[in-house]
Amino acid sequence: MAKKKKIIFYSTDPDAVWDEGDDNIEETLPNQQQKLRVQRDKKKRKGKEVTLVTGFMGTAEDLKDLGKTLKSKCGVGGSVKDNEIIVQGNQVEKVVDLLKGMGYSQTKRIGG
């Protein structure tokens, strides 16, 4: 469970009230509604190939869990940052097959 951040609110208006609202709460789309894109990349990676998964719509925790699952099933390392899953090596076909098997039916491979 994520920790709540303490927010300090300052105002010169004596009647001001802080409304937290639900603006910061993201909801993860169901797997079949996710439009994930999988591509091979080696830009800014010192020539090493990685497989990028982009387009995930949902919470950071769910993205992290998906990344962990993909890395585990591919048997390689990687990371999750900047709303992307990075899987080491050229694992594009395997990642696409895994995602489709997990119900991400709109997953597409992009690039050459």
C-alpha atoms as a PDB file:
ATOM      1  CA  MET A   1       0.000   0.000   0.000  1.00  0.00           C
ATOM      2  CA  ALA A   2       1.352   3.418  -0.947  1.00  0.00           C
ATOM      3  CA  LYS A   3       2.150   5.911   1.765  1.00  0.00           C
ATOM      4  CA  LYS A   4       0.220   9.144   1.764  1.00  0.00           C
ATOM      5  CA  LYS A   5       2.311  12.258   1.447  1.00  0.00           C
ATOM      6  CA  LYS A   6       1.818  14.987   3.996  1.00  0.00           C
ATOM      7  CA  ILE A   7       0.668  18.107   2.197  1.00  0.00           C
ATOM      8  CA  ILE A   8       1.189  21.547   3.656  1.00  0.00           C
ATOM      9  CA  PHE A   9      -1.309  24.104   2.408  1.00  0.00           C
ATOM     10  CA  TYR A  10      -0.761  27.844   2.800  1.00  0.00           C
ATOM     11  CA  SER A  11      -3.233  30.546   1.857  1.00  0.00           C
ATOM     12  CA  THR A  12      -3.854  34.199   2.609  1.00  0.00           C
ATOM     13  CA  ASP A  13      -7.593  33.561   2.349  1.00  0.00           C
ATOM     14  CA  PRO A  14      -8.956  32.797   5.862  1.00  0.00           C
ATOM     15  CA  ASP A  15     -11.835  30.806   4.326  1.00  0.00           C
ATOM     16  CA  ALA A  16      -9.648  28.638   2.084  1.00  0.00           C
ATOM     17  CA  VAL A  17     -10.197  24.901   2.341  1.00  0.00           C
ATOM     18  CA  TRP A  18      -7.956  22.214   0.880  1.00  0.00           C
ATOM     19  CA  ASP A  19      -9.838  19.739  -1.274  1.00  0.00           C
ATOM     20  CA  GLU A  20      -7.755  16.600  -1.891  1.00  0.00           C
ATOM     21  CA  GLY A  21     -10.251  15.148  -4.343  1.00  0.00           C
ATOM     22  CA  ASP A  22      -9.558  12.007  -6.313  1.00  0.00           C
ATOM     23  CA  ASP A  23      -7.496  13.681  -9.043  1.00  0.00           C
ATOM     24  CA  ASN A  24      -4.292  11.818  -8.171  1.00  0.00           C
ATOM     25  CA  ILE A  25      -5.824   8.353  -8.116  1.00  0.00           C
ATOM     26  CA  GLU A  26      -5.215   6.479 -11.342  1.00  0.00           C
ATOM     27  CA  GLU A  27      -7.154   3.409 -12.240  1.00  0.00           C
ATOM     28  CA  THR A  28      -5.620   0.655 -14.305  1.00  0.00           C
ATOM     29  CA  LEU A  29      -7.482  -0.201 -17.488  1.00  0.00           C
ATOM     30  CA  PRO A  30      -8.449  -3.857 -17.963  1.00  0.00           C
ATOM     31  CA  ASN A  31      -5.883  -5.918 -19.887  1.00  0.00           C
ATOM     32  CA  GLN A  32      -7.980  -6.151 -23.048  1.00  0.00           C
ATOM     33  CA  GLN A  33      -8.297  -2.334 -23.198  1.00  0.00           C
ATOM     34  CA  GLN A  34      -4.573  -1.651 -22.855  1.00  0.00           C
ATOM     35  CA  LYS A  35      -2.865  -0.553 -26.096  1.00  0.00           C
ATOM     36  CA  LEU A  36       0.691  -1.676 -25.434  1.00  0.00           C
ATOM     37  CA  ARG A  37       3.500  -1.166 -27.935  1.00  0.00           C
ATOM     38  CA  VAL A  38       6.597  -3.353 -27.940  1.00  0.00           C
ATOM     39  CA  GLN A  39       9.794  -2.386 -29.725  1.00  0.00           C
ATOM     40  CA  ARG A  40      13.507  -3.086 -29.818  1.00  0.00           C
ATOM     41  CA  ASP A  41      15.703  -0.134 -28.880  1.00  0.00           C
ATOM     42  CA  LYS A  42      19.366   0.660 -28.418  1.00  0.00           C
ATOM     43  CA  LYS A  43      19.390   4.455 -28.419  1.00  0.00           C
ATOM     44  CA  LYS A  44      21.170   6.007 -25.442  1.00  0.00           C
ATOM     45  CA  ARG A  45      22.063   2.527 -24.179  1.00  0.00           C
ATOM     46  CA  LYS A  46      25.693   2.288 -25.275  1.00  0.00           C
ATOM     47  CA  GLY A  47      24.775  -0.025 -28.151  1.00  0.00           C
ATOM     48  CA  LYS A  48      23.027  -2.622 -26.010  1.00  0.00           C
ATOM     49  CA  GLU A  49      19.643  -3.875 -27.161  1.00  0.00           C
ATOM     50  CA  VAL A  50      16.592  -3.698 -24.946  1.00  0.00           C
ATOM     51  CA  THR A  51      12.910  -4.387 -25.449  1.00  0.00           C
ATOM     52  CA  LEU A  52      10.631  -1.451 -24.575  1.00  0.00           C
ATOM     53  CA  VAL A  53       6.978  -1.810 -23.618  1.00  0.00           C
ATOM     54  CA  THR A  54       5.094   1.488 -23.738  1.00  0.00           C
ATOM     55  CA  GLY A  55       1.489   2.673 -23.594  1.00  0.00           C
ATOM     56  CA  PHE A  56       0.489   1.213 -20.215  1.00  0.00           C
ATOM     57  CA  MET A  57      -2.429   3.111 -18.666  1.00  0.00           C
ATOM     58  CA  GLY A  58      -2.703   2.615 -14.937  1.00  0.00           C
ATOM     59  CA  THR A  59      -1.037   2.822 -11.576  1.00  0.00           C
ATOM     60  CA  ALA A  60       2.715   2.754 -11.138  1.00  0.00           C
ATOM     61  CA  GLU A  61       2.376  -0.312  -8.916  1.00  0.00           C
ATOM     62  CA  ASP A  62       0.535  -2.280 -11.618  1.00  0.00           C
ATOM     63  CA  LEU A  63       3.142  -1.237 -14.196  1.00  0.00           C
ATOM     64  CA  LYS A  64       5.912  -2.384 -11.865  1.00  0.00           C
ATOM     65  CA  ASP A  65       4.164  -5.743 -11.332  1.00  0.00           C
ATOM     66  CA  LEU A  66       3.774  -6.266 -15.090  1.00  0.00           C
ATOM     67  CA  GLY A  67       7.440  -5.408 -15.622  1.00  0.00           C
ATOM     68  CA  LYS A  68       8.492  -7.876 -12.943  1.00  0.00           C
ATOM     69  CA  THR A  69       6.383 -10.616 -14.546  1.00  0.00           C
ATOM     70  CA  LEU A  70       7.807  -9.998 -18.023  1.00  0.00           C
ATOM     71  CA  LYS A  71      11.404  -9.930 -16.792  1.00  0.00           C
ATOM     72  CA  SER A  72      10.864 -13.110 -14.819  1.00  0.00           C
ATOM     73  CA  LYS A  73       9.250 -15.029 -17.710  1.00  0.00           C
ATOM     74  CA  CYS A  74      11.996 -13.890 -20.112  1.00  0.00           C
ATOM     75  CA  GLY A  75      14.684 -14.810 -17.595  1.00  0.00           C
ATOM     76  CA  VAL A  76      16.462 -11.465 -17.920  1.00  0.00           C
ATOM     77  CA  GLY A  77      16.866  -8.210 -16.048  1.00  0.00           C
ATOM     78  CA  GLY A  78      15.432  -4.831 -16.764  1.00  0.00           C
ATOM     79  CA  SER A  79      13.639  -1.956 -15.104  1.00  0.00           C
ATOM     80  CA  VAL A  80      10.506   0.149 -15.027  1.00  0.00           C
ATOM     81  CA  LYS A  81      10.945   3.899 -15.371  1.00  0.00           C
ATOM     82  CA  ASP A  82       9.455   6.853 -17.227  1.00  0.00           C
ATOM     83  CA  ASN A  83       6.218   4.854 -17.667  1.00  0.00           C
ATOM     84  CA  GLU A  84       8.091   2.236 -19.730  1.00  0.00           C
ATOM     85  CA  ILE A  85       9.044  -1.362 -19.088  1.00  0.00           C
ATOM     86  CA  ILE A  86      12.613  -2.094 -20.150  1.00  0.00           C
ATOM     87  CA  VAL A  87      13.548  -5.747 -20.669  1.00  0.00           C
ATOM     88  CA  GLN A  88      17.188  -6.526 -21.399  1.00  0.00           C
ATOM     89  CA  GLY A  89      17.990  -7.986 -24.805  1.00  0.00           C
ATOM     90  CA  ASN A  90      15.961  -8.451 -27.948  1.00  0.00           C
ATOM     91  CA  GLN A  91      12.906 -10.169 -26.436  1.00  0.00           C
ATOM     92  CA  VAL A  92      10.267  -8.537 -28.654  1.00  0.00           C
ATOM     93  CA  GLU A  93       8.556 -11.673 -29.971  1.00  0.00           C
ATOM     94  CA  LYS A  94       8.571 -13.377 -26.580  1.00  0.00           C
ATOM     95  CA  VAL A  95       7.193 -10.267 -24.823  1.00  0.00           C
ATOM     96  CA  VAL A  96       4.419  -9.823 -27.411  1.00  0.00           C
ATOM     97  CA  ASP A  97       3.440 -13.503 -27.047  1.00  0.00           C
ATOM     98  CA  LEU A  98       3.483 -13.252 -23.236  1.00  0.00           C
ATOM     99  CA  LEU A  99       1.375 -10.078 -23.199  1.00  0.00           C
ATOM    100  CA  LYS A 100      -1.205 -11.531 -25.593  1.00  0.00           C
ATOM    101  CA  GLY A 101      -1.329 -14.677 -23.461  1.00  0.00           C
ATOM    102  CA  MET A 102      -2.017 -12.487 -20.410  1.00  0.00           C
ATOM    103  CA  GLY A 103      -5.036 -10.900 -22.134  1.00  0.00           C
ATOM    104  CA  TYR A 104      -3.388  -7.775 -23.566  1.00  0.00           C
ATOM    105  CA  SER A 105      -5.062  -8.426 -26.923  1.00  0.00           C
ATOM    106  CA  GLN A 106      -4.330  -4.965 -28.403  1.00  0.00           C
ATOM    107  CA  THR A 107      -0.559  -5.369 -28.022  1.00  0.00           C
ATOM    108  CA  LYS A 108       1.410  -4.552 -31.177  1.00  0.00           C
ATOM    109  CA  ARG A 109       5.003  -4.772 -32.245  1.00  0.00           C
ATOM    110  CA  ILE A 110       6.326  -1.514 -33.703  1.00  0.00           C
ATOM    111  CA  GLY A 111       9.512  -0.794 -35.562  1.00  0.00           C
ATOM    112  CA  GLY A 112      11.714  -3.034 -37.624  1.00  0.00           C
END
